[in-house]
Amino acid sequence: MNDTKDKRELLWKLIKNIRFAMFTTRHGNGHLHARPMTTQNKGLEADESLWFFMSKSGDPVADLKADPVVNIVYADPSEDTYVSVSGTAAMIEDTAKKEQLWSKMAEAWFPGGPTDPDLALVQVQIVHANYWDVKESKIVQLYEMAKAVVTGKPPTDLGEHGEVRMR
């Protein structure tokens, strides 16, 4: 997959319907901390970024200021779709972008709206993503796993695993 537009479209197709992602930062004590966040994107544009709203006073913003390398994991077990995105995060002061991404859901966390003084707009520039997308039905998956137990050979062809590099 050489075309950047195709990469963006594939990645967006895999994550667009997954409401929450686990956003992982490296805390000041060196440990990795993950917490659920909602991706604010309406699509994956040419900037190849994921956008999040966070509290300026919260640990995630403090963590990414100290170490901007982050990981975001999307999982939809009902569709057997799993995506791990690595990128570089930064807090961006852009009122127009906050307004563009604003939703009623965000208002539950930031009652002051897009101009709430505690609202941090975080941009994650995607560097790399891995995905696992299982196309086979649950019955086929169970059959392949049972066959693997009997034969001692790992199951094959249970879906697609791939990598997307943006930078």
Protein backbone atom coordinates (compact mmCIF):
# COMPACT_ATOMS: atom_id res chain seq x y z
CA MET A 1 0.00 0.00 0.00
CA ASN A 2 2.00 2.96 -1.28
CA ASP A 3 -0.56 5.69 -1.64
CA THR A 4 -0.93 7.84 1.47
CA LYS A 5 -4.60 8.52 0.70
CA ASP A 6 -5.30 4.77 0.58
CA LYS A 7 -3.49 4.33 3.91
CA ARG A 8 -5.60 7.04 5.52
CA GLU A 9 -8.81 5.56 4.13
CA LEU A 10 -7.98 2.05 5.36
CA LEU A 11 -7.03 3.25 8.82
CA TRP A 12 -10.16 5.41 9.10
CA LYS A 13 -12.36 2.55 7.88
CA LEU A 14 -11.00 0.38 10.69
CA ILE A 15 -11.41 2.89 13.54
CA LYS A 16 -14.25 5.23 12.57
CA ASN A 17 -17.00 3.29 14.35
CA ILE A 18 -15.03 2.57 17.52
CA ARG A 19 -16.26 5.15 20.01
CA PHE A 20 -13.53 4.85 22.65
CA ALA A 21 -9.82 4.23 22.40
CA MET A 22 -7.23 3.56 25.08
CA PHE A 23 -4.81 6.51 24.98
CA THR A 24 -1.42 5.58 26.47
CA THR A 25 1.23 8.01 27.69
CA ARG A 26 4.43 7.58 29.65
CA HIS A 27 3.93 9.00 33.15
CA GLY A 28 6.66 10.94 34.96
CA ASN A 29 7.44 7.84 37.04
CA GLY A 30 8.32 5.96 33.83
CA HIS A 31 5.22 3.75 33.84
CA LEU A 32 2.81 3.58 30.93
CA HIS A 33 -0.66 4.89 31.73
CA ALA A 34 -3.69 4.22 29.54
CA ARG A 35 -7.09 5.78 29.80
CA PRO A 36 -10.22 5.75 27.62
CA MET A 37 -10.62 8.72 25.30
CA THR A 38 -12.99 9.58 22.47
CA THR A 39 -11.52 10.36 19.08
CA GLN A 40 -13.01 13.66 17.89
CA ASN A 41 -12.25 13.26 14.18
CA LYS A 42 -15.05 13.25 11.63
CA GLY A 43 -12.57 11.67 9.19
CA LEU A 44 -8.84 11.21 8.74
CA GLU A 45 -7.70 14.22 6.76
CA ALA A 46 -4.47 14.96 4.91
CA ASP A 47 -2.82 16.02 8.20
CA GLU A 48 -2.88 12.32 9.20
CA SER A 49 -3.79 13.25 12.76
CA LEU A 50 -6.15 12.01 15.41
CA TRP A 51 -7.74 14.67 17.63
CA PHE A 52 -8.77 14.42 21.28
CA PHE A 53 -10.21 16.71 23.94
CA MET A 54 -8.57 16.46 27.37
CA SER A 55 -8.40 18.44 30.59
CA LYS A 56 -5.43 20.81 30.65
CA SER A 57 -5.04 20.04 34.35
CA GLY A 58 -5.12 16.26 33.90
CA ASP A 59 -2.31 13.72 33.94
CA PRO A 60 -2.51 12.87 30.22
CA VAL A 61 -1.66 16.43 29.15
CA ALA A 62 1.17 16.65 31.71
CA ASP A 63 2.47 13.27 30.51
CA LEU A 64 2.52 14.17 26.83
CA LYS A 65 4.24 17.48 27.53
CA ALA A 66 7.09 15.51 29.13
CA ASP A 67 7.12 12.72 26.51
CA PRO A 68 5.05 13.27 23.36
CA VAL A 69 5.26 9.67 22.10
CA VAL A 70 1.87 8.03 22.60
CA ASN A 71 -0.03 4.90 21.65
CA ILE A 72 -3.73 4.68 20.95
CA VAL A 73 -5.48 1.32 20.85
CA TYR A 74 -8.86 0.73 19.22
CA ALA A 75 -10.72 -2.54 19.71
CA ASP A 76 -14.04 -3.76 18.40
CA PRO A 77 -14.35 -7.39 19.51
CA SER A 78 -17.80 -7.75 17.92
CA GLU A 79 -16.24 -7.02 14.52
CA ASP A 80 -12.87 -8.63 15.34
CA THR A 81 -11.07 -5.40 14.51
CA TYR A 82 -8.04 -4.24 16.49
CA VAL A 83 -5.79 -1.26 15.73
CA SER A 84 -2.72 0.07 17.52
CA VAL A 85 -1.63 3.58 16.52
CA SER A 86 1.71 5.12 17.49
CA GLY A 87 2.26 8.82 17.13
CA THR A 88 3.50 12.10 18.48
CA ALA A 89 1.09 14.21 20.54
CA ALA A 90 0.94 17.93 21.20
CA MET A 91 -1.51 20.30 22.79
CA ILE A 92 -2.70 22.75 20.14
CA GLU A 93 -4.29 26.14 20.81
CA ASP A 94 -6.73 26.47 17.92
CA THR A 95 -10.21 27.74 18.74
CA ALA A 96 -11.48 27.18 15.21
CA LYS A 97 -10.41 23.52 15.31
CA LYS A 98 -12.03 23.07 18.74
CA GLU A 99 -15.28 24.46 17.34
CA GLN A 100 -15.01 22.26 14.24
CA LEU A 101 -14.60 19.12 16.37
CA TRP A 102 -17.06 20.08 19.13
CA SER A 103 -19.95 17.76 19.94
CA LYS A 104 -22.67 17.47 22.58
CA MET A 105 -20.74 14.53 24.05
CA ALA A 106 -17.75 16.80 24.70
CA GLU A 107 -20.03 19.21 26.54
CA ALA A 108 -20.57 16.59 29.26
CA TRP A 109 -16.87 16.92 30.15
CA PHE A 110 -16.36 20.57 29.28
CA PRO A 111 -19.55 22.52 30.11
CA GLY A 112 -17.89 25.78 29.06
CA GLY A 113 -17.98 24.65 25.44
CA PRO A 114 -15.13 25.01 22.95
CA THR A 115 -13.82 28.03 24.86
CA ASP A 116 -13.75 26.24 28.24
CA PRO A 117 -10.45 27.32 29.82
CA ASP A 118 -9.69 23.73 30.88
CA LEU A 119 -10.23 22.29 27.39
CA ALA A 120 -7.03 21.02 25.78
CA LEU A 121 -7.06 20.12 22.11
CA VAL A 122 -4.57 17.30 21.56
CA GLN A 123 -3.31 16.41 18.12
CA VAL A 124 -1.68 13.03 17.58
CA GLN A 125 0.29 12.91 14.36
CA ILE A 126 0.19 9.29 13.26
CA VAL A 127 3.57 7.73 12.62
CA HIS A 128 2.63 4.07 12.42
CA ALA A 129 -0.31 1.72 12.91
CA ASN A 130 -0.76 -2.03 13.10
CA TYR A 131 -4.12 -3.62 12.52
CA TRP A 132 -5.76 -7.01 12.80
CA ASP A 133 -9.03 -7.39 10.94
CA VAL A 134 -10.62 -10.84 11.10
CA LYS A 135 -12.98 -11.45 8.21
CA GLU A 136 -14.00 -15.03 9.01
CA SER A 137 -17.16 -15.83 10.95
CA LYS A 138 -17.01 -16.92 14.58
CA ILE A 139 -17.81 -20.48 13.51
CA VAL A 140 -14.86 -20.56 11.09
CA GLN A 141 -12.62 -19.05 13.78
CA LEU A 142 -13.67 -21.70 16.32
CA TYR A 143 -13.16 -24.47 13.77
CA GLU A 144 -9.65 -23.18 12.90
CA MET A 145 -8.72 -22.94 16.58
CA ALA A 146 -10.04 -26.44 17.32
CA LYS A 147 -8.11 -27.77 14.31
CA ALA A 148 -4.97 -26.05 15.64
CA VAL A 149 -5.40 -27.76 19.03
CA VAL A 150 -5.72 -31.16 17.35
CA THR A 151 -2.91 -30.70 14.80
CA GLY A 152 -0.56 -28.66 16.99
CA LYS A 153 -0.21 -26.10 14.18
CA PRO A 154 -1.31 -22.49 14.79
CA PRO A 155 -4.40 -21.31 12.92
CA THR A 156 -3.79 -19.52 9.63
CA ASP A 157 -5.82 -17.21 7.49
CA LEU A 158 -8.05 -15.95 10.27
CA GLY A 159 -7.93 -12.46 8.87
CA GLU A 160 -5.71 -9.68 7.80
CA HIS A 161 -2.80 -8.24 9.74
CA GLY A 162 -1.09 -5.22 8.32
CA GLU A 163 0.92 -2.15 8.96
CA VAL A 164 0.35 1.45 7.94
CA ARG A 165 3.27 3.88 7.97
CA MET A 166 2.46 7.56 7.68
CA ARG A 167 5.89 9.09 8.31
